[in-house]
PDB file of N, CA and C in Angstrom:
ATOM      1  N   MET A   1       0.828  -1.191   0.000  1.00  0.00           N
ATOM      2  CA  MET A   1       0.000   0.000   0.000  1.00  0.00           C
ATOM      3  C   MET A   1       0.869   1.250   0.000  1.00  0.00           C
ATOM      4  N   ALA A   2       1.958   1.244   0.721  1.00  0.00           N
ATOM      5  CA  ALA A   2       2.813   2.430   0.788  1.00  0.00           C
ATOM      6  C   ALA A   2       3.345   2.789  -0.596  1.00  0.00           C
ATOM      7  N   ARG A   3       3.751   1.765  -1.375  1.00  0.00           N
ATOM      8  CA  ARG A   3       4.279   2.055  -2.689  1.00  0.00           C
ATOM      9  C   ARG A   3       3.218   2.718  -3.550  1.00  0.00           C
ATOM     10  N   GLY A   4       2.003   2.186  -3.511  1.00  0.00           N
ATOM     11  CA  GLY A   4       0.922   2.772  -4.295  1.00  0.00           C
ATOM     12  C   GLY A   4       0.649   4.202  -3.877  1.00  0.00           C
ATOM     13  N   SER A   5       0.660   4.428  -2.585  1.00  0.00           N
ATOM     14  CA  SER A   5       0.423   5.771  -2.061  1.00  0.00           C
ATOM     15  C   SER A   5       1.530   6.731  -2.508  1.00  0.00           C
ATOM     16  N   ASN A   6       2.776   6.277  -2.449  1.00  0.00           N
ATOM     17  CA  ASN A   6       3.895   7.128  -2.882  1.00  0.00           C
ATOM     18  C   ASN A   6       3.835   7.389  -4.378  1.00  0.00           C
ATOM     19  N   ALA A   7       3.491   6.361  -5.157  1.00  0.00           N
ATOM     20  CA  ALA A   7       3.382   6.544  -6.605  1.00  0.00           C
ATOM     21  C   ALA A   7       2.257   7.525  -6.921  1.00  0.00           C
ATOM     22  N   LEU A   8       1.172   7.416  -6.182  1.00  0.00           N
ATOM     23  CA  LEU A   8       0.060   8.331  -6.392  1.00  0.00           C
ATOM     24  C   LEU A   8       0.475   9.759  -6.042  1.00  0.00           C
ATOM     25  N   LYS A   9       1.127   9.935  -4.910  1.00  0.00           N
ATOM     26  CA  LYS A   9       1.580  11.276  -4.515  1.00  0.00           C
ATOM     27  C   LYS A   9       2.551  11.849  -5.542  1.00  0.00           C
ATOM     28  N   ASP A  10       3.404  10.990  -6.106  1.00  0.00           N
ATOM     29  CA  ASP A  10       4.342  11.444  -7.139  1.00  0.00           C
ATOM     30  C   ASP A  10       3.570  11.963  -8.350  1.00  0.00           C
ATOM     31  N   ARG A  11       2.566  11.220  -8.788  1.00  0.00           N
ATOM     32  CA  ARG A  11       1.756  11.667  -9.926  1.00  0.00           C
ATOM     33  C   ARG A  11       1.052  12.981  -9.595  1.00  0.00           C
ATOM     34  N   LEU A  12       0.487  13.038  -8.388  1.00  0.00           N
ATOM     35  CA  LEU A  12      -0.242  14.248  -8.007  1.00  0.00           C
ATOM     36  C   LEU A  12       0.677  15.460  -7.991  1.00  0.00           C
ATOM     37  N   SER A  13       1.947  15.241  -7.656  1.00  0.00           N
ATOM     38  CA  SER A  13       2.884  16.368  -7.600  1.00  0.00           C
ATOM     39  C   SER A  13       3.235  16.890  -8.995  1.00  0.00           C
ATOM     40  N   ARG A  14       2.982  16.078 -10.025  1.00  0.00           N
ATOM     41  CA  ARG A  14       3.415  16.451 -11.371  1.00  0.00           C
ATOM     42  C   ARG A  14       2.295  16.895 -12.303  1.00  0.00           C
ATOM     43  N   PHE A  15       1.056  16.668 -11.924  1.00  0.00           N
ATOM     44  CA  PHE A  15      -0.043  16.959 -12.839  1.00  0.00           C
ATOM     45  C   PHE A  15      -0.941  18.069 -12.336  1.00  0.00           C
ATOM     46  N   ARG A  16      -1.634  18.699 -13.290  1.00  0.00           N
ATOM     47  CA  ARG A  16      -2.569  19.783 -12.961  1.00  0.00           C
ATOM     48  C   ARG A  16      -4.003  19.288 -12.891  1.00  0.00           C
ATOM     49  N   GLU A  17      -4.267  18.112 -13.426  1.00  0.00           N
ATOM     50  CA  GLU A  17      -5.642  17.639 -13.536  1.00  0.00           C
ATOM     51  C   GLU A  17      -5.698  16.142 -13.259  1.00  0.00           C
ATOM     52  N   ILE A  18      -6.756  15.706 -12.586  1.00  0.00           N
ATOM     53  CA  ILE A  18      -7.015  14.281 -12.383  1.00  0.00           C
ATOM     54  C   ILE A  18      -8.463  14.012 -12.774  1.00  0.00           C
ATOM     55  N   ASN A  19      -8.803  12.752 -12.911  1.00  0.00           N
ATOM     56  CA  ASN A  19     -10.194  12.372 -13.113  1.00  0.00           C
ATOM     57  C   ASN A  19     -10.738  11.857 -11.794  1.00  0.00           C
ATOM     58  N   ILE A  20     -11.943  12.285 -11.461  1.00  0.00           N
ATOM     59  CA  ILE A  20     -12.621  11.739 -10.289  1.00  0.00           C
ATOM     60  C   ILE A  20     -13.858  10.995 -10.755  1.00  0.00           C
ATOM     61  N   SER A  21     -14.203   9.934 -10.040  1.00  0.00           N
ATOM     62  CA  SER A  21     -15.431   9.193 -10.309  1.00  0.00           C
ATOM     63  C   SER A  21     -16.244   9.169  -9.034  1.00  0.00           C
ATOM     64  N   VAL A  22     -17.508   9.530  -9.170  1.00  0.00           N
ATOM     65  CA  VAL A  22     -18.425   9.550  -8.034  1.00  0.00           C
ATOM     66  C   VAL A  22     -19.657   8.733  -8.404  1.00  0.00           C
ATOM     67  N   ILE A  23     -20.421   8.352  -7.378  1.00  0.00           N
ATOM     68  CA  ILE A  23     -21.667   7.625  -7.609  1.00  0.00           C
ATOM     69  C   ILE A  23     -22.799   8.652  -7.653  1.00  0.00           C
ATOM     70  N   GLY A  24     -23.550   8.626  -8.746  1.00  0.00           N
ATOM     71  CA  GLY A  24     -24.665   9.567  -8.893  1.00  0.00           C
ATOM     72  C   GLY A  24     -25.689   9.381  -7.785  1.00  0.00           C
ATOM     73  N   ARG A  25     -26.073  10.449  -7.131  1.00  0.00           N
ATOM     74  CA  ARG A  25     -26.975  10.351  -5.984  1.00  0.00           C
ATOM     75  C   ARG A  25     -28.382   9.944  -6.391  1.00  0.00           C
ATOM     76  N   LYS A  26     -28.744  10.191  -7.654  1.00  0.00           N
ATOM     77  CA  LYS A  26     -30.071   9.797  -8.132  1.00  0.00           C
ATOM     78  C   LYS A  26     -29.989   8.553  -9.017  1.00  0.00           C
ATOM     79  N   SER A  27     -29.005   8.538  -9.917  1.00  0.00           N
ATOM     80  CA  SER A  27     -28.917   7.447 -10.895  1.00  0.00           C
ATOM     81  C   SER A  27     -28.236   6.207 -10.337  1.00  0.00           C
ATOM     82  N   GLY A  28     -27.342   6.396  -9.344  1.00  0.00           N
ATOM     83  CA  GLY A  28     -26.565   5.259  -8.834  1.00  0.00           C
ATOM     84  C   GLY A  28     -25.442   4.854  -9.773  1.00  0.00           C
ATOM     85  N   ARG A  29     -25.295   5.575 -10.884  1.00  0.00           N
ATOM     86  CA  ARG A  29     -24.246   5.261 -11.856  1.00  0.00           C
ATOM     87  C   ARG A  29     -22.953   5.969 -11.497  1.00  0.00           C
ATOM     88  N   THR A  30     -21.847   5.426 -11.997  1.00  0.00           N
ATOM     89  CA  THR A  30     -20.558   6.073 -11.807  1.00  0.00           C
ATOM     90  C   THR A  30     -20.420   7.198 -12.823  1.00  0.00           C
ATOM     91  N   ILE A  31     -20.047   8.373 -12.325  1.00  0.00           N
ATOM     92  CA  ILE A  31     -19.904   9.564 -13.161  1.00  0.00           C
ATOM     93  C   ILE A  31     -18.473  10.067 -13.006  1.00  0.00           C
ATOM     94  N   SER A  32     -17.782  10.268 -14.135  1.00  0.00           N
ATOM     95  CA  SER A  32     -16.387  10.726 -14.105  1.00  0.00           C
ATOM     96  C   SER A  32     -16.281  12.156 -14.604  1.00  0.00           C
ATOM     97  N   ASN A  33     -15.388  12.905 -13.970  1.00  0.00           N
ATOM     98  CA  ASN A  33     -15.140  14.295 -14.357  1.00  0.00           C
ATOM     99  C   ASN A  33     -13.661  14.602 -14.217  1.00  0.00           C
ATOM    100  N   PRO A  34     -13.092  15.375 -15.148  1.00  0.00           N
ATOM    101  CA  PRO A  34     -11.736  15.895 -14.929  1.00  0.00           C
ATOM    102  C   PRO A  34     -11.833  17.088 -13.985  1.00  0.00           C
ATOM    103  N   VAL A  35     -10.940  17.159 -13.014  1.00  0.00           N
ATOM    104  CA  VAL A  35     -10.953  18.271 -12.060  1.00  0.00           C
ATOM    105  C   VAL A  35      -9.539  18.727 -11.759  1.00  0.00           C
ATOM    106  N   TRP A  36      -9.443  19.959 -11.303  1.00  0.00           N
ATOM    107  CA  TRP A  36      -8.202  20.460 -10.741  1.00  0.00           C
ATOM    108  C   TRP A  36      -8.157  20.068  -9.275  1.00  0.00           C
ATOM    109  N   PHE A  37      -6.987  20.069  -8.688  1.00  0.00           N
ATOM    110  CA  PHE A  37      -6.821  19.620  -7.312  1.00  0.00           C
ATOM    111  C   PHE A  37      -5.570  20.252  -6.732  1.00  0.00           C
ATOM    112  N   VAL A  38      -5.455  20.179  -5.418  1.00  0.00           N
ATOM    113  CA  VAL A  38      -4.217  20.525  -4.741  1.00  0.00           C
ATOM    114  C   VAL A  38      -3.928  19.391  -3.766  1.00  0.00           C
ATOM    115  N   SER A  39      -2.722  18.829  -3.832  1.00  0.00           N
ATOM    116  CA  SER A  39      -2.321  17.838  -2.834  1.00  0.00           C
ATOM    117  C   SER A  39      -1.360  18.518  -1.866  1.00  0.00           C
ATOM    118  N   ASP A  40      -1.555  18.212  -0.591  1.00  0.00           N
ATOM    119  CA  ASP A  40      -0.758  18.825   0.462  1.00  0.00           C
ATOM    120  C   ASP A  40      -0.512  17.753   1.510  1.00  0.00           C
ATOM    121  N   GLY A  41       0.679  17.147   1.472  1.00  0.00           N
ATOM    122  CA  GLY A  41       0.968  16.042   2.395  1.00  0.00           C
ATOM    123  C   GLY A  41       0.062  14.870   2.095  1.00  0.00           C
ATOM    124  N   ASP A  42      -0.691  14.423   3.105  1.00  0.00           N
ATOM    125  CA  ASP A  42      -1.612  13.292   2.937  1.00  0.00           C
ATOM    126  C   ASP A  42      -3.022  13.733   2.587  1.00  0.00           C
ATOM    127  N   LYS A  43      -3.183  14.984   2.254  1.00  0.00           N
ATOM    128  CA  LYS A  43      -4.525  15.483   1.946  1.00  0.00           C
ATOM    129  C   LYS A  43      -4.630  15.911   0.477  1.00  0.00           C
ATOM    130  N   LEU A  44      -5.783  15.629  -0.072  1.00  0.00           N
ATOM    131  CA  LEU A  44      -6.112  16.027  -1.439  1.00  0.00           C
ATOM    132  C   LEU A  44      -7.304  16.975  -1.340  1.00  0.00           C
ATOM    133  N   TYR A  45      -7.143  18.179  -1.886  1.00  0.00           N
ATOM    134  CA  TYR A  45      -8.216  19.176  -1.828  1.00  0.00           C
ATOM    135  C   TYR A  45      -8.830  19.341  -3.210  1.00  0.00           C
ATOM    136  N   LEU A  46     -10.158  19.401  -3.226  1.00  0.00           N
ATOM    137  CA  LEU A  46     -10.905  19.630  -4.453  1.00  0.00           C
ATOM    138  C   LEU A  46     -11.783  20.848  -4.245  1.00  0.00           C
ATOM    139  N   LEU A  47     -11.912  21.639  -5.291  1.00  0.00           N
ATOM    140  CA  LEU A  47     -12.719  22.853  -5.227  1.00  0.00           C
ATOM    141  C   LEU A  47     -13.746  22.769  -6.357  1.00  0.00           C
ATOM    142  N   PRO A  48     -15.032  22.573  -6.008  1.00  0.00           N
ATOM    143  CA  PRO A  48     -16.047  22.478  -7.065  1.00  0.00           C
ATOM    144  C   PRO A  48     -16.164  23.799  -7.831  1.00  0.00           C
ATOM    145  N   VAL A  49     -16.207  23.715  -9.144  1.00  0.00           N
ATOM    146  CA  VAL A  49     -16.211  24.907  -9.999  1.00  0.00           C
ATOM    147  C   VAL A  49     -17.393  25.821  -9.690  1.00  0.00           C
ATOM    148  N   LYS A  50     -18.565  25.235  -9.437  1.00  0.00           N
ATOM    149  CA  LYS A  50     -19.754  26.036  -9.122  1.00  0.00           C
ATOM    150  C   LYS A  50     -20.123  25.889  -7.648  1.00  0.00           C
ATOM    151  N   GLY A  51     -19.120  25.651  -6.810  1.00  0.00           N
ATOM    152  CA  GLY A  51     -19.366  25.532  -5.382  1.00  0.00           C
ATOM    153  C   GLY A  51     -20.388  24.451  -5.063  1.00  0.00           C
ATOM    154  N   SER A  52     -21.288  24.751  -4.125  1.00  0.00           N
ATOM    155  CA  SER A  52     -22.267  23.765  -3.676  1.00  0.00           C
ATOM    156  C   SER A  52     -23.304  23.426  -4.751  1.00  0.00           C
ATOM    157  N   ASP A  53     -23.327  24.153  -5.866  1.00  0.00           N
ATOM    158  CA  ASP A  53     -24.230  23.833  -6.981  1.00  0.00           C
ATOM    159  C   ASP A  53     -23.627  22.792  -7.927  1.00  0.00           C
ATOM    160  N   THR A  54     -22.373  22.434  -7.725  1.00  0.00           N
ATOM    161  CA  THR A  54     -21.684  21.487  -8.604  1.00  0.00           C
ATOM    162  C   THR A  54     -22.237  20.074  -8.378  1.00  0.00           C
ATOM    163  N   GLN A  55     -22.557  19.401  -9.465  1.00  0.00           N
ATOM    164  CA  GLN A  55     -23.195  18.083  -9.351  1.00  0.00           C
ATOM    165  C   GLN A  55     -22.305  17.056  -8.640  1.00  0.00           C
ATOM    166  N   TRP A  56     -21.016  16.977  -8.993  1.00  0.00           N
ATOM    167  CA  TRP A  56     -20.186  15.953  -8.340  1.00  0.00           C
ATOM    168  C   TRP A  56     -20.071  16.231  -6.845  1.00  0.00           C
ATOM    169  N   TYR A  57     -20.097  17.505  -6.451  1.00  0.00           N
ATOM    170  CA  TYR A  57     -20.055  17.841  -5.027  1.00  0.00           C
ATOM    171  C   TYR A  57     -21.307  17.303  -4.328  1.00  0.00           C
ATOM    172  N   LYS A  58     -22.472  17.532  -4.915  1.00  0.00           N
ATOM    173  CA  LYS A  58     -23.717  17.026  -4.337  1.00  0.00           C
ATOM    174  C   LYS A  58     -23.672  15.503  -4.203  1.00  0.00           C
ATOM    175  N   ASN A  59     -23.031  14.841  -5.165  1.00  0.00           N
ATOM    176  CA  ASN A  59     -22.924  13.385  -5.118  1.00  0.00           C
ATOM    177  C   ASN A  59     -22.020  12.915  -3.978  1.00  0.00           C
ATOM    178  N   VAL A  60     -20.881  13.578  -3.755  1.00  0.00           N
ATOM    179  CA  VAL A  60     -19.989  13.121  -2.668  1.00  0.00           C
ATOM    180  C   VAL A  60     -20.538  13.480  -1.289  1.00  0.00           C
ATOM    181  N   VAL A  61     -21.403  14.480  -1.210  1.00  0.00           N
ATOM    182  CA  VAL A  61     -22.061  14.756   0.068  1.00  0.00           C
ATOM    183  C   VAL A  61     -22.960  13.571   0.434  1.00  0.00           C
ATOM    184  N   LYS A  62     -23.659  13.026  -0.563  1.00  0.00           N
ATOM    185  CA  LYS A  62     -24.547  11.885  -0.313  1.00  0.00           C
ATOM    186  C   LYS A  62     -23.757  10.596  -0.141  1.00  0.00           C
ATOM    187  N   ASN A  63     -22.718  10.389  -0.963  1.00  0.00           N
ATOM    188  CA  ASN A  63     -21.896   9.179  -0.901  1.00  0.00           C
ATOM    189  C   ASN A  63     -20.437   9.625  -0.896  1.00  0.00           C
ATOM    190  N   PRO A  64     -19.791   9.660   0.286  1.00  0.00           N
ATOM    191  CA  PRO A  64     -18.459  10.270   0.411  1.00  0.00           C
ATOM    192  C   PRO A  64     -17.300   9.465  -0.181  1.00  0.00           C
ATOM    193  N   SER A  65     -17.612   8.448  -0.974  1.00  0.00           N
ATOM    194  CA  SER A  65     -16.556   7.677  -1.623  1.00  0.00           C
ATOM    195  C   SER A  65     -16.236   8.305  -2.974  1.00  0.00           C
ATOM    196  N   LEU A  66     -14.927   8.390  -3.270  1.00  0.00           N
ATOM    197  CA  LEU A  66     -14.475   9.040  -4.494  1.00  0.00           C
ATOM    198  C   LEU A  66     -13.321   8.226  -5.054  1.00  0.00           C
ATOM    199  N   ARG A  67     -13.349   7.962  -6.360  1.00  0.00           N
ATOM    200  CA  ARG A  67     -12.226   7.284  -6.999  1.00  0.00           C
ATOM    201  C   ARG A  67     -11.481   8.319  -7.807  1.00  0.00           C
ATOM    202  N   ILE A  68     -10.159   8.351  -7.627  1.00  0.00           N
ATOM    203  CA  ILE A  68      -9.358   9.270  -8.430  1.00  0.00           C
ATOM    204  C   ILE A  68      -8.458   8.476  -9.360  1.00  0.00           C
ATOM    205  N   ASP A  69      -8.167   9.068 -10.483  1.00  0.00           N
ATOM    206  CA  ASP A  69      -7.250   8.489 -11.463  1.00  0.00           C
ATOM    207  C   ASP A  69      -6.285   9.596 -11.873  1.00  0.00           C
ATOM    208  N   ALA A  70      -5.031   9.438 -11.438  1.00  0.00           N
ATOM    209  CA  ALA A  70      -3.978  10.392 -11.793  1.00  0.00           C
ATOM    210  C   ALA A  70      -3.111   9.743 -12.861  1.00  0.00           C
ATOM    211  N   ARG A  71      -3.625   9.708 -14.063  1.00  0.00           N
ATOM    212  CA  ARG A  71      -2.940   9.115 -15.217  1.00  0.00           C
ATOM    213  C   ARG A  71      -2.446   7.703 -14.940  1.00  0.00           C
ATOM    214  N   GLY A  72      -3.353   6.853 -14.477  1.00  0.00           N
ATOM    215  CA  GLY A  72      -3.022   5.443 -14.292  1.00  0.00           C
ATOM    216  C   GLY A  72      -2.808   5.035 -12.849  1.00  0.00           C
ATOM    217  N   GLU A  73      -2.503   5.966 -11.972  1.00  0.00           N
ATOM    218  CA  GLU A  73      -2.435   5.664 -10.535  1.00  0.00           C
ATOM    219  C   GLU A  73      -3.808   5.958  -9.958  1.00  0.00           C
ATOM    220  N   GLU A  74      -4.481   4.903  -9.496  1.00  0.00           N
ATOM    221  CA  GLU A  74      -5.842   5.072  -9.010  1.00  0.00           C
ATOM    222  C   GLU A  74      -5.926   4.824  -7.517  1.00  0.00           C
ATOM    223  N   ALA A  75      -6.929   5.415  -6.908  1.00  0.00           N
ATOM    224  CA  ALA A  75      -7.159   5.198  -5.475  1.00  0.00           C
ATOM    225  C   ALA A  75      -8.615   5.485  -5.159  1.00  0.00           C
ATOM    226  N   GLU A  76      -9.116   4.755  -4.173  1.00  0.00           N
ATOM    227  CA  GLU A  76     -10.461   4.993  -3.632  1.00  0.00           C
ATOM    228  C   GLU A  76     -10.268   5.785  -2.353  1.00  0.00           C
ATOM    229  N   LEU A  77     -10.888   6.944  -2.273  1.00  0.00           N
ATOM    230  CA  LEU A  77     -10.696   7.820  -1.118  1.00  0.00           C
ATOM    231  C   LEU A  77     -12.026   8.146  -0.462  1.00  0.00           C
ATOM    232  N   ARG A  78     -11.974   8.401   0.834  1.00  0.00           N
ATOM    233  CA  ARG A  78     -13.130   8.900   1.575  1.00  0.00           C
ATOM    234  C   ARG A  78     -13.019  10.421   1.605  1.00  0.00           C
ATOM    235  N   THR A  79     -14.118  11.077   1.376  1.00  0.00           N
ATOM    236  CA  THR A  79     -14.102  12.531   1.331  1.00  0.00           C
ATOM    237  C   THR A  79     -14.888  13.119   2.489  1.00  0.00           C
ATOM    238  N   ALA A  80     -14.624  14.375   2.761  1.00  0.00           N
ATOM    239  CA  ALA A  80     -15.397  15.144   3.724  1.00  0.00           C
ATOM    240  C   ALA A  80     -15.603  16.533   3.139  1.00  0.00           C
ATOM    241  N   PRO A  81     -16.833  17.038   3.193  1.00  0.00           N
ATOM    242  CA  PRO A  81     -17.061  18.396   2.712  1.00  0.00           C
ATOM    243  C   PRO A  81     -16.458  19.420   3.671  1.00  0.00           C
ATOM    244  N   ILE A  82     -16.004  20.511   3.120  1.00  0.00           N
ATOM    245  CA  ILE A  82     -15.524  21.647   3.912  1.00  0.00           C
ATOM    246  C   ILE A  82     -16.514  22.778   3.666  1.00  0.00           C
ATOM    247  N   THR A  83     -17.177  23.223   4.719  1.00  0.00           N
ATOM    248  CA  THR A  83     -18.177  24.279   4.571  1.00  0.00           C
ATOM    249  C   THR A  83     -17.844  25.515   5.406  1.00  0.00           C
ATOM    250  N   ASP A  84     -16.893  25.392   6.326  1.00  0.00           N
ATOM    251  CA  ASP A  84     -16.484  26.537   7.140  1.00  0.00           C
ATOM    252  C   ASP A  84     -15.824  27.585   6.237  1.00  0.00           C
ATOM    253  N   PRO A  85     -16.325  28.826   6.234  1.00  0.00           N
ATOM    254  CA  PRO A  85     -15.793  29.843   5.310  1.00  0.00           C
ATOM    255  C   PRO A  85     -14.279  30.048   5.406  1.00  0.00           C
ATOM    256  N   ALA A  86     -13.713  30.025   6.592  1.00  0.00           N
ATOM    257  CA  ALA A  86     -12.263  30.229   6.735  1.00  0.00           C
ATOM    258  C   ALA A  86     -11.488  29.060   6.127  1.00  0.00           C
ATOM    259  N   GLN A  87     -11.994  27.822   6.321  1.00  0.00           N
ATOM    260  CA  GLN A  87     -11.317  26.658   5.742  1.00  0.00           C
ATOM    261  C   GLN A  87     -11.466  26.640   4.224  1.00  0.00           C
ATOM    262  N   VAL A  88     -12.648  27.010   3.731  1.00  0.00           N
ATOM    263  CA  VAL A  88     -12.846  27.090   2.276  1.00  0.00           C
ATOM    264  C   VAL A  88     -11.900  28.134   1.690  1.00  0.00           C
ATOM    265  N   ALA A  89     -11.776  29.283   2.343  1.00  0.00           N
ATOM    266  CA  ALA A  89     -10.877  30.345   1.864  1.00  0.00           C
ATOM    267  C   ALA A  89      -9.434  29.846   1.820  1.00  0.00           C
ATOM    268  N   SER A  90      -9.046  29.007   2.780  1.00  0.00           N
ATOM    269  CA  SER A  90      -7.701  28.441   2.795  1.00  0.00           C
ATOM    270  C   SER A  90      -7.478  27.536   1.578  1.00  0.00           C
ATOM    271  N   VAL A  91      -8.490  26.737   1.229  1.00  0.00           N
ATOM    272  CA  VAL A  91      -8.391  25.868   0.043  1.00  0.00           C
ATOM    273  C   VAL A  91      -8.326  26.724  -1.219  1.00  0.00           C
ATOM    274  N   VAL A  92      -9.144  27.765  -1.289  1.00  0.00           N
ATOM    275  CA  VAL A  92      -9.127  28.670  -2.451  1.00  0.00           C
ATOM    276  C   VAL A  92      -7.727  29.270  -2.606  1.00  0.00           C
ATOM    277  N   ASP A  93      -7.103  29.660  -1.499  1.00  0.00           N
ATOM    278  CA  ASP A  93      -5.735  30.195  -1.554  1.00  0.00           C
ATOM    279  C   ASP A  93      -4.755  29.161  -2.099  1.00  0.00           C
ATOM    280  N   LYS A  94      -4.907  27.908  -1.687  1.00  0.00           N
ATOM    281  CA  LYS A  94      -4.037  26.832  -2.197  1.00  0.00           C
ATOM    282  C   LYS A  94      -4.214  26.699  -3.717  1.00  0.00           C
ATOM    283  N   PHE A  95      -5.473  26.782  -4.185  1.00  0.00           N
ATOM    284  CA  PHE A  95      -5.744  26.687  -5.621  1.00  0.00           C
ATOM    285  C   PHE A  95      -5.148  27.880  -6.363  1.00  0.00           C
ATOM    286  N   ARG A  96      -5.273  29.076  -5.783  1.00  0.00           N
ATOM    287  CA  ARG A  96      -4.696  30.268  -6.430  1.00  0.00           C
ATOM    288  C   ARG A  96      -3.180  30.137  -6.512  1.00  0.00           C
ATOM    289  N   GLY A  97      -2.575  29.545  -5.486  1.00  0.00           N
ATOM    290  CA  GLY A  97      -1.125  29.340  -5.505  1.00  0.00           C
ATOM    291  C   GLY A  97      -0.685  28.406  -6.619  1.00  0.00           C
ATOM    292  N   LYS A  98      -1.525  27.410  -6.931  1.00  0.00           N
ATOM    293  CA  LYS A  98      -1.163  26.429  -7.965  1.00  0.00           C
ATOM    294  C   LYS A  98      -1.598  26.880  -9.361  1.00  0.00           C
ATOM    295  N   TYR A  99      -2.803  27.428  -9.461  1.00  0.00           N
ATOM    296  CA  TYR A  99      -3.390  27.713 -10.774  1.00  0.00           C
ATOM    297  C   TYR A  99      -3.449  29.205 -11.113  1.00  0.00           C
ATOM    298  N   GLU A 100      -3.067  30.049 -10.175  1.00  0.00           N
ATOM    299  CA  GLU A 100      -2.983  31.500 -10.368  1.00  0.00           C
ATOM    300  C   GLU A 100      -4.306  32.101 -10.834  1.00  0.00           C
ATOM    301  N   ALA A 101      -4.274  32.950 -11.834  1.00  0.00           N
ATOM    302  CA  ALA A 101      -5.464  33.704 -12.255  1.00  0.00           C
ATOM    303  C   ALA A 101      -6.551  32.803 -12.836  1.00  0.00           C
ATOM    304  N   ASP A 102      -6.190  31.590 -13.244  1.00  0.00           N
ATOM    305  CA  ASP A 102      -7.188  30.681 -13.821  1.00  0.00           C
ATOM    306  C   ASP A 102      -8.341  30.409 -12.852  1.00  0.00           C
ATOM    307  N   VAL A 103      -8.066  30.457 -11.551  1.00  0.00           N
ATOM    308  CA  VAL A 103      -9.116  30.192 -10.563  1.00  0.00           C
ATOM    309  C   VAL A 103     -10.247  31.205 -10.725  1.00  0.00           C
ATOM    310  N   LYS A 104      -9.914  32.462 -10.864  1.00  0.00           N
ATOM    311  CA  LYS A 104     -10.924  33.513 -11.027  1.00  0.00           C
ATOM    312  C   LYS A 104     -11.698  33.313 -12.325  1.00  0.00           C
ATOM    313  N   GLU A 105     -11.000  32.848 -13.357  1.00  0.00           N
ATOM    314  CA  GLU A 105     -11.625  32.692 -14.670  1.00  0.00           C
ATOM    315  C   GLU A 105     -12.623  31.540 -14.710  1.00  0.00           C
ATOM    316  N   TYR A 106     -12.292  30.419 -14.055  1.00  0.00           N
ATOM    317  CA  TYR A 106     -13.101  29.211 -14.204  1.00  0.00           C
ATOM    318  C   TYR A 106     -14.050  28.921 -13.048  1.00  0.00           C
ATOM    319  N   TYR A 107     -13.749  29.421 -11.867  1.00  0.00           N
ATOM    320  CA  TYR A 107     -14.565  29.105 -10.694  1.00  0.00           C
ATOM    321  C   TYR A 107     -15.531  30.240 -10.405  1.00  0.00           C
ATOM    322  N   SER A 108     -16.794  29.899 -10.146  1.00  0.00           N
ATOM    323  CA  SER A 108     -17.806  30.939 -10.002  1.00  0.00           C
ATOM    324  C   SER A 108     -18.385  31.052  -8.592  1.00  0.00           C
ATOM    325  N   LYS A 109     -18.137  30.074  -7.732  1.00  0.00           N
ATOM    326  CA  LYS A 109     -18.721  30.112  -6.394  1.00  0.00           C
ATOM    327  C   LYS A 109     -17.752  29.446  -5.429  1.00  0.00           C
ATOM    328  N   PHE A 110     -17.498  30.109  -4.311  1.00  0.00           N
ATOM    329  CA  PHE A 110     -16.484  29.624  -3.358  1.00  0.00           C
ATOM    330  C   PHE A 110     -17.112  29.393  -1.981  1.00  0.00           C
ATOM    331  N   ASP A 111     -18.150  28.558  -1.914  1.00  0.00           N
ATOM    332  CA  ASP A 111     -18.807  28.328  -0.623  1.00  0.00           C
ATOM    333  C   ASP A 111     -18.457  26.987   0.010  1.00  0.00           C
ATOM    334  N   VAL A 112     -17.888  26.065  -0.769  1.00  0.00           N
ATOM    335  CA  VAL A 112     -17.543  24.741  -0.248  1.00  0.00           C
ATOM    336  C   VAL A 112     -16.256  24.244  -0.907  1.00  0.00           C
ATOM    337  N   ALA A 113     -15.658  23.242  -0.287  1.00  0.00           N
ATOM    338  CA  ALA A 113     -14.529  22.518  -0.860  1.00  0.00           C
ATOM    339  C   ALA A 113     -14.654  21.074  -0.361  1.00  0.00           C
ATOM    340  N   VAL A 114     -13.725  20.223  -0.791  1.00  0.00           N
ATOM    341  CA  VAL A 114     -13.731  18.814  -0.381  1.00  0.00           C
ATOM    342  C   VAL A 114     -12.305  18.432  -0.029  1.00  0.00           C
ATOM    343  N   VAL A 115     -12.172  17.642   1.029  1.00  0.00           N
ATOM    344  CA  VAL A 115     -10.861  17.113   1.397  1.00  0.00           C
ATOM    345  C   VAL A 115     -10.950  15.593   1.437  1.00  0.00           C
ATOM    346  N   ALA A 116      -9.875  14.940   1.001  1.00  0.00           N
ATOM    347  CA  ALA A 116      -9.780  13.475   1.068  1.00  0.00           C
ATOM    348  C   ALA A 116      -8.405  13.116   1.605  1.00  0.00           C
ATOM    349  N   GLN A 117      -8.353  12.025   2.327  1.00  0.00           N
ATOM    350  CA  GLN A 117      -7.094  11.522   2.899  1.00  0.00           C
ATOM    351  C   GLN A 117      -6.456  10.579   1.892  1.00  0.00           C
ATOM    352  N   ILE A 118      -5.167  10.769   1.615  1.00  0.00           N
ATOM    353  CA  ILE A 118      -4.429   9.884   0.706  1.00  0.00           C
ATOM    354  C   ILE A 118      -3.659   8.880   1.543  1.00  0.00           C
ATOM    355  N   GLY A 119      -3.797   7.605   1.198  1.00  0.00           N
ATOM    356  CA  GLY A 119      -3.002   6.573   1.874  1.00  0.00           C
ATOM    357  C   GLY A 119      -3.394   6.257   3.283  1.00  0.00           C
TER     358      GLY A 119
END
């Protein structure tokens, strides 16, 4: 498990985008989306583009299991929503540090974020 976790962290350190798969809260089907992310130690942060209106966010609130694929390194992670404004602002800052002005261009609502434990 440690090797897989290290390989996953290595991929996360090198890429700007991963694919996430969630279970649809109504359909029960697996739904995949490319997303931006920030990895920080053993934590993976996700910022929904439309905040709490984002469909994949609504799905992980109902079913906190998330599968990530970082170009072939896959993992099943448990997620937790972040709704505290100060914690959400901290995640937004992490995203601005990685993606710079693109965050303002692509993200329209900053009311929630998601954190998952790696490994």
